[in-house]
PDB file of N, CA and C in Angstrom:
ATOM      1  N   MET A   1      73.048  52.905 172.763  1.00  0.00           N
ATOM      2  CA  MET A   1      72.127  52.589 173.648  1.00  0.00           C
ATOM      3  C   MET A   1      70.901  53.422 173.212  1.00  0.00           C
ATOM      4  N   THR A   2      69.539  53.011 173.231  1.00  0.00           N
ATOM      5  CA  THR A   2      68.107  53.791 173.408  1.00  0.00           C
ATOM      6  C   THR A   2      67.974  54.472 174.564  1.00  0.00           C
ATOM      7  N   LYS A   3      67.975  55.714 174.328  1.00  0.00           N
ATOM      8  CA  LYS A   3      67.238  56.783 175.530  1.00  0.00           C
ATOM      9  C   LYS A   3      65.882  56.731 175.899  1.00  0.00           C
ATOM     10  N   LYS A   4      65.399  55.913 176.824  1.00  0.00           N
ATOM     11  CA  LYS A   4      64.196  55.819 177.266  1.00  0.00           C
ATOM     12  C   LYS A   4      63.339  57.365 177.363  1.00  0.00           C
ATOM     13  N   LEU A   5      63.444  58.725 178.053  1.00  0.00           N
ATOM     14  CA  LEU A   5      63.206  59.636 178.400  1.00  0.00           C
ATOM     15  C   LEU A   5      64.245  60.709 177.073  1.00  0.00           C
ATOM     16  N   LYS A   6      62.854  61.393 176.360  1.00  0.00           N
ATOM     17  CA  LYS A   6      63.512  62.405 175.644  1.00  0.00           C
ATOM     18  C   LYS A   6      62.783  63.330 175.364  1.00  0.00           C
ATOM     19  N   VAL A   7      63.448  64.497 174.691  1.00  0.00           N
ATOM     20  CA  VAL A   7      62.633  65.854 174.801  1.00  0.00           C
ATOM     21  C   VAL A   7      61.670  66.129 174.253  1.00  0.00           C
ATOM     22  N   ASN A   8      60.863  66.515 175.301  1.00  0.00           N
ATOM     23  CA  ASN A   8      59.052  66.784 175.091  1.00  0.00           C
ATOM     24  C   ASN A   8      58.374  65.836 175.719  1.00  0.00           C
ATOM     25  N   ASP A   9      59.009  65.025 176.209  1.00  0.00           N
ATOM     26  CA  ASP A   9      57.950  63.939 177.044  1.00  0.00           C
ATOM     27  C   ASP A   9      57.340  64.330 178.378  1.00  0.00           C
ATOM     28  N   LEU A  10      56.397  63.872 178.480  1.00  0.00           N
ATOM     29  CA  LEU A  10      55.891  64.305 179.698  1.00  0.00           C
ATOM     30  C   LEU A  10      56.346  63.584 181.126  1.00  0.00           C
ATOM     31  N   VAL A  11      56.588  63.689 182.044  1.00  0.00           N
ATOM     32  CA  VAL A  11      57.501  63.480 183.397  1.00  0.00           C
ATOM     33  C   VAL A  11      56.812  63.821 184.615  1.00  0.00           C
ATOM     34  N   ILE A  12      57.327  63.343 185.410  1.00  0.00           N
ATOM     35  CA  ILE A  12      56.559  63.083 186.944  1.00  0.00           C
ATOM     36  C   ILE A  12      58.349  63.098 187.424  1.00  0.00           C
ATOM     37  N   VAL A  13      58.117  63.875 188.684  1.00  0.00           N
ATOM     38  CA  VAL A  13      59.134  63.303 189.673  1.00  0.00           C
ATOM     39  C   VAL A  13      58.934  62.711 190.776  1.00  0.00           C
ATOM     40  N   ILE A  14      60.043  61.724 190.667  1.00  0.00           N
ATOM     41  CA  ILE A  14      59.310  60.603 191.726  1.00  0.00           C
ATOM     42  C   ILE A  14      60.275  60.963 193.119  1.00  0.00           C
ATOM     43  N   SER A  15      61.138  61.676 193.288  1.00  0.00           N
ATOM     44  CA  SER A  15      62.035  62.075 194.781  1.00  0.00           C
ATOM     45  C   SER A  15      62.180  63.396 194.716  1.00  0.00           C
ATOM     46  N   GLY A  16      62.945  63.294 196.131  1.00  0.00           N
ATOM     47  CA  GLY A  16      63.637  64.638 196.432  1.00  0.00           C
ATOM     48  C   GLY A  16      62.169  65.889 196.761  1.00  0.00           C
ATOM     49  N   ALA A  17      62.752  67.186 196.711  1.00  0.00           N
ATOM     50  CA  ALA A  17      61.845  68.239 197.329  1.00  0.00           C
ATOM     51  C   ALA A  17      60.995  68.682 196.215  1.00  0.00           C
ATOM     52  N   GLU A  18      60.901  68.281 194.918  1.00  0.00           N
ATOM     53  CA  GLU A  18      60.060  68.730 193.948  1.00  0.00           C
ATOM     54  C   GLU A  18      59.372  67.595 194.004  1.00  0.00           C
ATOM     55  N   LYS A  19      58.814  66.394 194.429  1.00  0.00           N
ATOM     56  CA  LYS A  19      57.966  65.140 194.112  1.00  0.00           C
ATOM     57  C   LYS A  19      56.957  65.188 194.189  1.00  0.00           C
ATOM     58  N   LYS A  20      56.245  64.666 192.764  1.00  0.00           N
ATOM     59  CA  LYS A  20      55.326  64.639 192.366  1.00  0.00           C
ATOM     60  C   LYS A  20      54.780  65.901 191.635  1.00  0.00           C
ATOM     61  N   LYS A  21      55.810  66.564 191.172  1.00  0.00           N
ATOM     62  CA  LYS A  21      55.664  67.503 190.141  1.00  0.00           C
ATOM     63  C   LYS A  21      55.549  67.043 188.911  1.00  0.00           C
ATOM     64  N   ILE A  22      54.954  67.400 187.656  1.00  0.00           N
ATOM     65  CA  ILE A  22      54.069  67.232 186.522  1.00  0.00           C
ATOM     66  C   ILE A  22      54.895  68.133 185.858  1.00  0.00           C
ATOM     67  N   GLY A  23      56.221  67.945 184.676  1.00  0.00           N
ATOM     68  CA  GLY A  23      56.334  68.845 183.443  1.00  0.00           C
ATOM     69  C   GLY A  23      57.030  67.940 182.377  1.00  0.00           C
ATOM     70  N   LYS A  24      57.428  68.965 181.271  1.00  0.00           N
ATOM     71  CA  LYS A  24      57.945  68.405 179.930  1.00  0.00           C
ATOM     72  C   LYS A  24      59.140  68.697 180.105  1.00  0.00           C
ATOM     73  N   LEU A  25      59.977  67.821 179.492  1.00  0.00           N
ATOM     74  CA  LEU A  25      61.779  67.510 179.604  1.00  0.00           C
ATOM     75  C   LEU A  25      62.290  68.804 178.624  1.00  0.00           C
ATOM     76  N   ILE A  26      63.031  69.516 179.028  1.00  0.00           N
ATOM     77  CA  ILE A  26      63.664  70.386 178.326  1.00  0.00           C
ATOM     78  C   ILE A  26      65.060  70.411 177.470  1.00  0.00           C
ATOM     79  N   SER A  27      65.441  69.266 178.453  1.00  0.00           N
ATOM     80  CA  SER A  27      66.873  68.972 177.782  1.00  0.00           C
ATOM     81  C   SER A  27      67.207  67.505 178.422  1.00  0.00           C
ATOM     82  N   VAL A  28      68.054  66.917 178.294  1.00  0.00           N
ATOM     83  CA  VAL A  28      68.652  65.632 178.394  1.00  0.00           C
ATOM     84  C   VAL A  28      69.768  65.750 178.003  1.00  0.00           C
ATOM     85  N   LYS A  29      70.906  65.702 179.231  1.00  0.00           N
ATOM     86  CA  LYS A  29      72.385  65.965 178.912  1.00  0.00           C
ATOM     87  C   LYS A  29      73.142  64.622 179.651  1.00  0.00           C
ATOM     88  N   GLY A  30      73.488  63.388 179.130  1.00  0.00           N
ATOM     89  CA  GLY A  30      73.696  62.244 180.001  1.00  0.00           C
ATOM     90  C   GLY A  30      73.421  62.099 180.739  1.00  0.00           C
ATOM     91  N   ASP A  31      73.123  61.994 182.327  1.00  0.00           N
ATOM     92  CA  ASP A  31      72.464  61.287 183.364  1.00  0.00           C
ATOM     93  C   ASP A  31      71.608  62.447 183.980  1.00  0.00           C
ATOM     94  N   LEU A  32      71.918  64.066 183.299  1.00  0.00           N
ATOM     95  CA  LEU A  32      70.907  65.111 183.541  1.00  0.00           C
ATOM     96  C   LEU A  32      70.021  65.597 183.015  1.00  0.00           C
ATOM     97  N   VAL A  33      68.456  65.706 183.451  1.00  0.00           N
ATOM     98  CA  VAL A  33      67.644  66.156 182.968  1.00  0.00           C
ATOM     99  C   VAL A  33      66.750  67.777 183.498  1.00  0.00           C
ATOM    100  N   CYS A  34      66.483  68.355 182.373  1.00  0.00           N
ATOM    101  CA  CYS A  34      66.152  69.431 182.719  1.00  0.00           C
ATOM    102  C   CYS A  34      64.245  69.242 182.616  1.00  0.00           C
ATOM    103  N   VAL A  35      63.812  69.657 183.787  1.00  0.00           N
ATOM    104  CA  VAL A  35      61.959  69.729 183.645  1.00  0.00           C
ATOM    105  C   VAL A  35      61.545  71.139 183.534  1.00  0.00           C
ATOM    106  N   GLU A  36      60.383  71.644 183.024  1.00  0.00           N
ATOM    107  CA  GLU A  36      59.452  72.805 182.678  1.00  0.00           C
ATOM    108  C   GLU A  36      59.216  72.980 184.286  1.00  0.00           C
ATOM    109  N   GLY A  37      59.522  73.832 184.609  1.00  0.00           N
ATOM    110  CA  GLY A  37      59.003  74.172 186.209  1.00  0.00           C
ATOM    111  C   GLY A  37      59.407  73.746 187.078  1.00  0.00           C
ATOM    112  N   VAL A  38      60.482  72.943 187.305  1.00  0.00           N
ATOM    113  CA  VAL A  38      60.652  71.977 188.348  1.00  0.00           C
ATOM    114  C   VAL A  38      62.289  72.376 188.529  1.00  0.00           C
ATOM    115  N   ASN A  39      62.686  72.313 190.226  1.00  0.00           N
ATOM    116  CA  ASN A  39      63.980  72.715 190.508  1.00  0.00           C
ATOM    117  C   ASN A  39      64.320  74.325 190.063  1.00  0.00           C
ATOM    118  N   LEU A  40      63.664  74.982 190.130  1.00  0.00           N
ATOM    119  CA  LEU A  40      63.501  76.487 189.547  1.00  0.00           C
ATOM    120  C   LEU A  40      64.929  77.246 191.014  1.00  0.00           C
ATOM    121  N   ARG A  41      65.918  78.202 189.929  1.00  0.00           N
ATOM    122  CA  ARG A  41      67.033  78.682 190.956  1.00  0.00           C
ATOM    123  C   ARG A  41      67.085  80.422 190.142  1.00  0.00           C
ATOM    124  N   ASN A  42      67.255  81.178 191.483  1.00  0.00           N
ATOM    125  CA  ASN A  42      67.438  82.602 190.583  1.00  0.00           C
ATOM    126  C   ASN A  42      68.802  82.463 190.296  1.00  0.00           C
ATOM    127  N   VAL A  43      68.667  83.544 189.053  1.00  0.00           N
ATOM    128  CA  VAL A  43      69.989  83.829 188.414  1.00  0.00           C
ATOM    129  C   VAL A  43      70.047  85.025 188.060  1.00  0.00           C
ATOM    130  N   SER A  44      71.518  85.563 188.194  1.00  0.00           N
ATOM    131  CA  SER A  44      71.674  87.009 188.233  1.00  0.00           C
ATOM    132  C   SER A  44      72.055  87.534 186.731  1.00  0.00           C
ATOM    133  N   LYS A  45      71.405  88.242 186.264  1.00  0.00           N
ATOM    134  CA  LYS A  45      71.493  88.677 184.703  1.00  0.00           C
ATOM    135  C   LYS A  45      72.635  90.196 184.800  1.00  0.00           C
ATOM    136  N   LYS A  46      74.012  89.674 184.410  1.00  0.00           N
ATOM    137  CA  LYS A  46      74.817  91.099 183.912  1.00  0.00           C
ATOM    138  C   LYS A  46      73.647  92.231 183.771  1.00  0.00           C
ATOM    139  N   ARG A  47      74.054  93.604 183.947  1.00  0.00           N
ATOM    140  CA  ARG A  47      73.506  94.878 183.318  1.00  0.00           C
ATOM    141  C   ARG A  47      74.271  95.123 181.698  1.00  0.00           C
ATOM    142  N   GLN A  48      73.696  95.473 181.031  1.00  0.00           N
ATOM    143  CA  GLN A  48      73.869  95.604 179.408  1.00  0.00           C
ATOM    144  C   GLN A  48      73.696  97.158 179.163  1.00  0.00           C
ATOM    145  N   ASP A  49      74.987  97.590 179.467  1.00  0.00           N
ATOM    146  CA  ASP A  49      74.891  99.515 178.796  1.00  0.00           C
ATOM    147  C   ASP A  49      73.832  99.849 179.624  1.00  0.00           C
ATOM    148  N   SER A  50      73.161 100.101 179.074  1.00  0.00           N
ATOM    149  CA  SER A  50      71.888 101.311 179.803  1.00  0.00           C
ATOM    150  C   SER A  50      70.898 100.705 181.149  1.00  0.00           C
ATOM    151  N   ALA A  51      70.906  98.832 180.313  1.00  0.00           N
ATOM    152  CA  ALA A  51      69.620  98.598 181.182  1.00  0.00           C
ATOM    153  C   ALA A  51      70.211  98.187 182.619  1.00  0.00           C
ATOM    154  N   SER A  52      69.156  97.829 183.841  1.00  0.00           N
ATOM    155  CA  SER A  52      69.895  97.444 184.923  1.00  0.00           C
ATOM    156  C   SER A  52      69.535  95.848 185.125  1.00  0.00           C
ATOM    157  N   SER A  53      70.615  95.242 185.853  1.00  0.00           N
ATOM    158  CA  SER A  53      70.800  94.183 186.016  1.00  0.00           C
ATOM    159  C   SER A  53      69.617  92.949 186.638  1.00  0.00           C
ATOM    160  N   GLU A  54      68.754  91.994 186.465  1.00  0.00           N
ATOM    161  CA  GLU A  54      67.598  91.668 186.395  1.00  0.00           C
ATOM    162  C   GLU A  54      68.104  89.896 187.311  1.00  0.00           C
ATOM    163  N   LYS A  55      66.781  89.622 187.754  1.00  0.00           N
ATOM    164  CA  LYS A  55      66.950  88.255 188.534  1.00  0.00           C
ATOM    165  C   LYS A  55      65.948  87.513 187.865  1.00  0.00           C
ATOM    166  N   ILE A  56      66.477  86.508 187.161  1.00  0.00           N
ATOM    167  CA  ILE A  56      65.539  85.336 186.182  1.00  0.00           C
ATOM    168  C   ILE A  56      65.363  84.028 186.920  1.00  0.00           C
ATOM    169  N   LYS A  57      64.235  83.389 186.901  1.00  0.00           N
ATOM    170  CA  LYS A  57      64.201  82.292 187.894  1.00  0.00           C
ATOM    171  C   LYS A  57      64.131  81.417 186.574  1.00  0.00           C
ATOM    172  N   LYS A  58      65.249  80.213 186.923  1.00  0.00           N
ATOM    173  CA  LYS A  58      65.830  79.095 185.582  1.00  0.00           C
ATOM    174  C   LYS A  58      65.845  77.529 186.196  1.00  0.00           C
ATOM    175  N   GLU A  59      65.355  76.947 185.385  1.00  0.00           N
ATOM    176  CA  GLU A  59      65.465  75.287 185.376  1.00  0.00           C
ATOM    177  C   GLU A  59      66.617  74.914 185.460  1.00  0.00           C
ATOM    178  N   ARG A  60      67.184  74.351 186.695  1.00  0.00           N
ATOM    179  CA  ARG A  60      68.217  73.799 186.898  1.00  0.00           C
ATOM    180  C   ARG A  60      68.387  72.018 186.654  1.00  0.00           C
ATOM    181  N   PRO A  61      69.242  71.248 186.087  1.00  0.00           N
ATOM    182  CA  PRO A  61      69.107  70.173 185.828  1.00  0.00           C
ATOM    183  C   PRO A  61      68.920  68.984 187.336  1.00  0.00           C
ATOM    184  N   ILE A  62      68.105  67.802 186.977  1.00  0.00           N
ATOM    185  CA  ILE A  62      68.087  67.204 187.808  1.00  0.00           C
ATOM    186  C   ILE A  62      68.879  65.636 187.518  1.00  0.00           C
ATOM    187  N   HIS A  63      68.749  64.800 188.337  1.00  0.00           N
ATOM    188  CA  HIS A  63      69.355  63.480 187.867  1.00  0.00           C
ATOM    189  C   HIS A  63      68.341  62.774 187.097  1.00  0.00           C
ATOM    190  N   LYS A  64      68.408  61.755 185.841  1.00  0.00           N
ATOM    191  CA  LYS A  64      67.287  61.205 185.141  1.00  0.00           C
ATOM    192  C   LYS A  64      66.912  60.095 186.470  1.00  0.00           C
ATOM    193  N   SER A  65      67.199  59.470 187.235  1.00  0.00           N
ATOM    194  CA  SER A  65      66.607  58.401 188.157  1.00  0.00           C
ATOM    195  C   SER A  65      65.517  59.065 189.108  1.00  0.00           C
ATOM    196  N   ASN A  66      65.549  60.445 189.125  1.00  0.00           N
ATOM    197  CA  ASN A  66      64.402  60.849 190.166  1.00  0.00           C
ATOM    198  C   ASN A  66      63.597  61.400 189.114  1.00  0.00           C
ATOM    199  N   VAL A  67      63.286  60.974 187.818  1.00  0.00           N
ATOM    200  CA  VAL A  67      61.996  61.482 187.040  1.00  0.00           C
ATOM    201  C   VAL A  67      61.871  60.169 186.527  1.00  0.00           C
ATOM    202  N   SER A  68      60.185  60.083 186.195  1.00  0.00           N
ATOM    203  CA  SER A  68      59.828  58.911 185.537  1.00  0.00           C
ATOM    204  C   SER A  68      58.659  59.405 184.543  1.00  0.00           C
ATOM    205  N   ALA A  69      58.435  58.628 183.192  1.00  0.00           N
ATOM    206  CA  ALA A  69      57.540  58.905 182.340  1.00  0.00           C
ATOM    207  C   ALA A  69      56.186  58.794 182.944  1.00  0.00           C
ATOM    208  N   VAL A  70      55.370  59.698 182.825  1.00  0.00           N
ATOM    209  CA  VAL A  70      54.202  59.577 183.311  1.00  0.00           C
ATOM    210  C   VAL A  70      53.018  59.374 182.456  1.00  0.00           C
ATOM    211  N   GLU A  71      51.978  58.746 182.551  1.00  0.00           N
ATOM    212  CA  GLU A  71      50.832  58.148 181.682  1.00  0.00           C
ATOM    213  C   GLU A  71      49.067  58.724 182.905  1.00  0.00           C
ATOM    214  N   ASP A  72      48.236  59.186 182.306  1.00  0.00           N
ATOM    215  CA  ASP A  72      47.007  59.018 183.031  1.00  0.00           C
ATOM    216  C   ASP A  72      47.412  59.883 184.610  1.00  0.00           C
ATOM    217  N   GLY A  73      48.335  60.930 184.656  1.00  0.00           N
ATOM    218  CA  GLY A  73      49.234  61.240 186.055  1.00  0.00           C
ATOM    219  C   GLY A  73      49.572  60.026 186.735  1.00  0.00           C
ATOM    220  N   SER A  74      50.192  58.933 186.741  1.00  0.00           N
ATOM    221  CA  SER A  74      50.766  58.214 187.533  1.00  0.00           C
ATOM    222  C   SER A  74      52.334  57.714 186.747  1.00  0.00           C
ATOM    223  N   PRO A  75      53.118  57.573 187.438  1.00  0.00           N
ATOM    224  CA  PRO A  75      54.277  57.185 186.464  1.00  0.00           C
ATOM    225  C   PRO A  75      54.342  55.428 186.058  1.00  0.00           C
ATOM    226  N   ILE A  76      55.091  55.609 185.186  1.00  0.00           N
ATOM    227  CA  ILE A  76      55.331  54.311 184.194  1.00  0.00           C
ATOM    228  C   ILE A  76      56.791  53.730 184.046  1.00  0.00           C
ATOM    229  N   LYS A  77      56.610  52.590 183.585  1.00  0.00           N
ATOM    230  CA  LYS A  77      58.097  52.110 183.044  1.00  0.00           C
ATOM    231  C   LYS A  77      58.284  52.369 181.330  1.00  0.00           C
ATOM    232  N   ILE A  78      59.028  52.174 180.887  1.00  0.00           N
ATOM    233  CA  ILE A  78      58.848  52.270 179.218  1.00  0.00           C
ATOM    234  C   ILE A  78      59.983  51.176 178.756  1.00  0.00           C
ATOM    235  N   SER A  79      59.475  50.293 177.951  1.00  0.00           N
ATOM    236  CA  SER A  79      60.176  49.126 177.278  1.00  0.00           C
ATOM    237  C   SER A  79      60.220  49.355 176.282  1.00  0.00           C
ATOM    238  N   ILE A  80      62.020  48.790 175.242  1.00  0.00           N
ATOM    239  CA  ILE A  80      61.856  49.511 173.891  1.00  0.00           C
ATOM    240  C   ILE A  80      62.094  47.929 173.316  1.00  0.00           C
ATOM    241  N   ARG A  81      61.343  48.143 172.106  1.00  0.00           N
ATOM    242  CA  ARG A  81      60.848  47.165 171.482  1.00  0.00           C
ATOM    243  C   ARG A  81      61.144  47.330 169.765  1.00  0.00           C
ATOM    244  N   ASN A  82      61.613  46.227 169.318  1.00  0.00           N
ATOM    245  CA  ASN A  82      61.969  46.489 167.620  1.00  0.00           C
ATOM    246  C   ASN A  82      60.680  46.202 166.958  1.00  0.00           C
ATOM    247  N   LYS A  83      60.883  46.829 166.321  1.00  0.00           N
ATOM    248  CA  LYS A  83      59.413  46.860 165.381  1.00  0.00           C
ATOM    249  C   LYS A  83      59.627  46.133 163.858  1.00  0.00           C
ATOM    250  N   LYS A  84      59.243  45.604 163.202  1.00  0.00           N
ATOM    251  CA  LYS A  84      59.456  44.807 161.760  1.00  0.00           C
ATOM    252  C   LYS A  84      58.738  44.642 161.093  1.00  0.00           C
ATOM    253  N   ASP A  85      58.672  45.410 159.958  1.00  0.00           N
ATOM    254  CA  ASP A  85      58.010  45.948 158.853  1.00  0.00           C
ATOM    255  C   ASP A  85      58.111  45.113 157.510  1.00  0.00           C
ATOM    256  N   GLN A  86      57.138  44.888 156.615  1.00  0.00           N
ATOM    257  CA  GLN A  86      57.561  43.979 155.280  1.00  0.00           C
ATOM    258  C   GLN A  86      58.160  45.197 154.378  1.00  0.00           C
ATOM    259  N   SER A  87      57.581  46.322 154.603  1.00  0.00           N
ATOM    260  CA  SER A  87      57.799  47.540 153.630  1.00  0.00           C
ATOM    261  C   SER A  87      59.397  48.002 154.027  1.00  0.00           C
ATOM    262  N   ASN A  88      60.049  47.912 155.317  1.00  0.00           N
ATOM    263  CA  ASN A  88      61.106  48.801 155.795  1.00  0.00           C
ATOM    264  C   ASN A  88      62.272  47.727 155.814  1.00  0.00           C
ATOM    265  N   PRO A  89      62.974  47.269 155.168  1.00  0.00           N
ATOM    266  CA  PRO A  89      63.989  46.420 155.912  1.00  0.00           C
ATOM    267  C   PRO A  89      64.801  46.283 156.999  1.00  0.00           C
ATOM    268  N   PHE A  90      64.713  47.710 157.176  1.00  0.00           N
ATOM    269  CA  PHE A  90      66.017  48.163 158.881  1.00  0.00           C
ATOM    270  C   PHE A  90      64.817  47.850 160.339  1.00  0.00           C
ATOM    271  N   ASN A  91      65.326  47.414 160.848  1.00  0.00           N
ATOM    272  CA  ASN A  91      64.684  47.101 162.521  1.00  0.00           C
ATOM    273  C   ASN A  91      64.533  48.776 163.095  1.00  0.00           C
ATOM    274  N   CYS A  92      63.252  49.124 163.205  1.00  0.00           N
ATOM    275  CA  CYS A  92      62.933  50.483 164.047  1.00  0.00           C
ATOM    276  C   CYS A  92      62.573  50.125 165.473  1.00  0.00           C
ATOM    277  N   LYS A  93      63.266  51.207 166.905  1.00  0.00           N
ATOM    278  CA  LYS A  93      62.969  50.757 167.970  1.00  0.00           C
ATOM    279  C   LYS A  93      61.555  51.519 167.962  1.00  0.00           C
ATOM    280  N   ILE A  94      61.236  51.325 168.716  1.00  0.00           N
ATOM    281  CA  ILE A  94      59.953  51.932 169.223  1.00  0.00           C
ATOM    282  C   ILE A  94      59.926  52.067 171.133  1.00  0.00           C
ATOM    283  N   ARG A  95      59.208  52.628 171.703  1.00  0.00           N
ATOM    284  CA  ARG A  95      58.562  52.746 173.100  1.00  0.00           C
ATOM    285  C   ARG A  95      57.023  52.224 173.499  1.00  0.00           C
ATOM    286  N   ILE A  96      57.267  51.648 174.056  1.00  0.00           N
ATOM    287  CA  ILE A  96      55.953  51.074 174.330  1.00  0.00           C
ATOM    288  C   ILE A  96      55.615  51.342 176.423  1.00  0.00           C
ATOM    289  N   SER A  97      54.777  51.213 176.828  1.00  0.00           N
ATOM    290  CA  SER A  97      54.350  51.760 178.106  1.00  0.00           C
ATOM    291  C   SER A  97      54.502  50.159 178.398  1.00  0.00           C
ATOM    292  N   LYS A  98      55.125  49.877 179.738  1.00  0.00           N
ATOM    293  CA  LYS A  98      54.479  48.308 179.990  1.00  0.00           C
ATOM    294  C   LYS A  98      53.603  48.325 181.146  1.00  0.00           C
ATOM    295  N   LYS A  99      52.959  49.380 181.098  1.00  0.00           N
ATOM    296  CA  LYS A  99      51.261  49.344 182.146  1.00  0.00           C
ATOM    297  C   LYS A  99      50.351  49.163 181.341  1.00  0.00           C
ATOM    298  N   THR A 100      50.328  49.672 180.400  1.00  0.00           N
ATOM    299  CA  THR A 100      48.769  49.715 179.198  1.00  0.00           C
ATOM    300  C   THR A 100      49.312  49.005 177.899  1.00  0.00           C
ATOM    301  N   GLY A 101      50.727  49.036 177.425  1.00  0.00           N
ATOM    302  CA  GLY A 101      50.959  48.250 176.143  1.00  0.00           C
ATOM    303  C   GLY A 101      51.119  49.445 175.148  1.00  0.00           C
ATOM    304  N   LYS A 102      50.932  50.767 175.244  1.00  0.00           N
ATOM    305  CA  LYS A 102      50.427  51.641 174.393  1.00  0.00           C
ATOM    306  C   LYS A 102      51.856  52.099 174.150  1.00  0.00           C
ATOM    307  N   ASN A 103      51.794  52.484 172.830  1.00  0.00           N
ATOM    308  CA  ASN A 103      53.047  53.276 172.013  1.00  0.00           C
ATOM    309  C   ASN A 103      53.436  54.505 172.350  1.00  0.00           C
ATOM    310  N   ILE A 104      54.864  55.003 172.984  1.00  0.00           N
ATOM    311  CA  ILE A 104      54.683  56.316 173.422  1.00  0.00           C
ATOM    312  C   ILE A 104      55.530  57.056 172.217  1.00  0.00           C
ATOM    313  N   ILE A 105      54.844  58.184 172.005  1.00  0.00           N
ATOM    314  CA  ILE A 105      55.628  59.364 170.930  1.00  0.00           C
ATOM    315  C   ILE A 105      56.538  59.728 171.729  1.00  0.00           C
TER     316      ILE A 105
END
């Protein structure tokens, strides 16, 4: 099955405490996605040898149903179509915005 959301896509959070935040997808693992700057949590890093321990803010995953692709600041739906070329005998799947009809890279 082709995934509609891919790493480095620009997405908007559509529900939850971080609603209306826009960020870039960092990772996609199953039903969970990590979005840059969204759902930040403090993580304690243990000290190593002489260095002291630190607290680092890190993105935690959220469910993919809580995010949507974004175009011009508003959420959009994505459709997947087969692209047929004379030069390429194999079908190539492309992602298209349902709102504007533009190809999503």
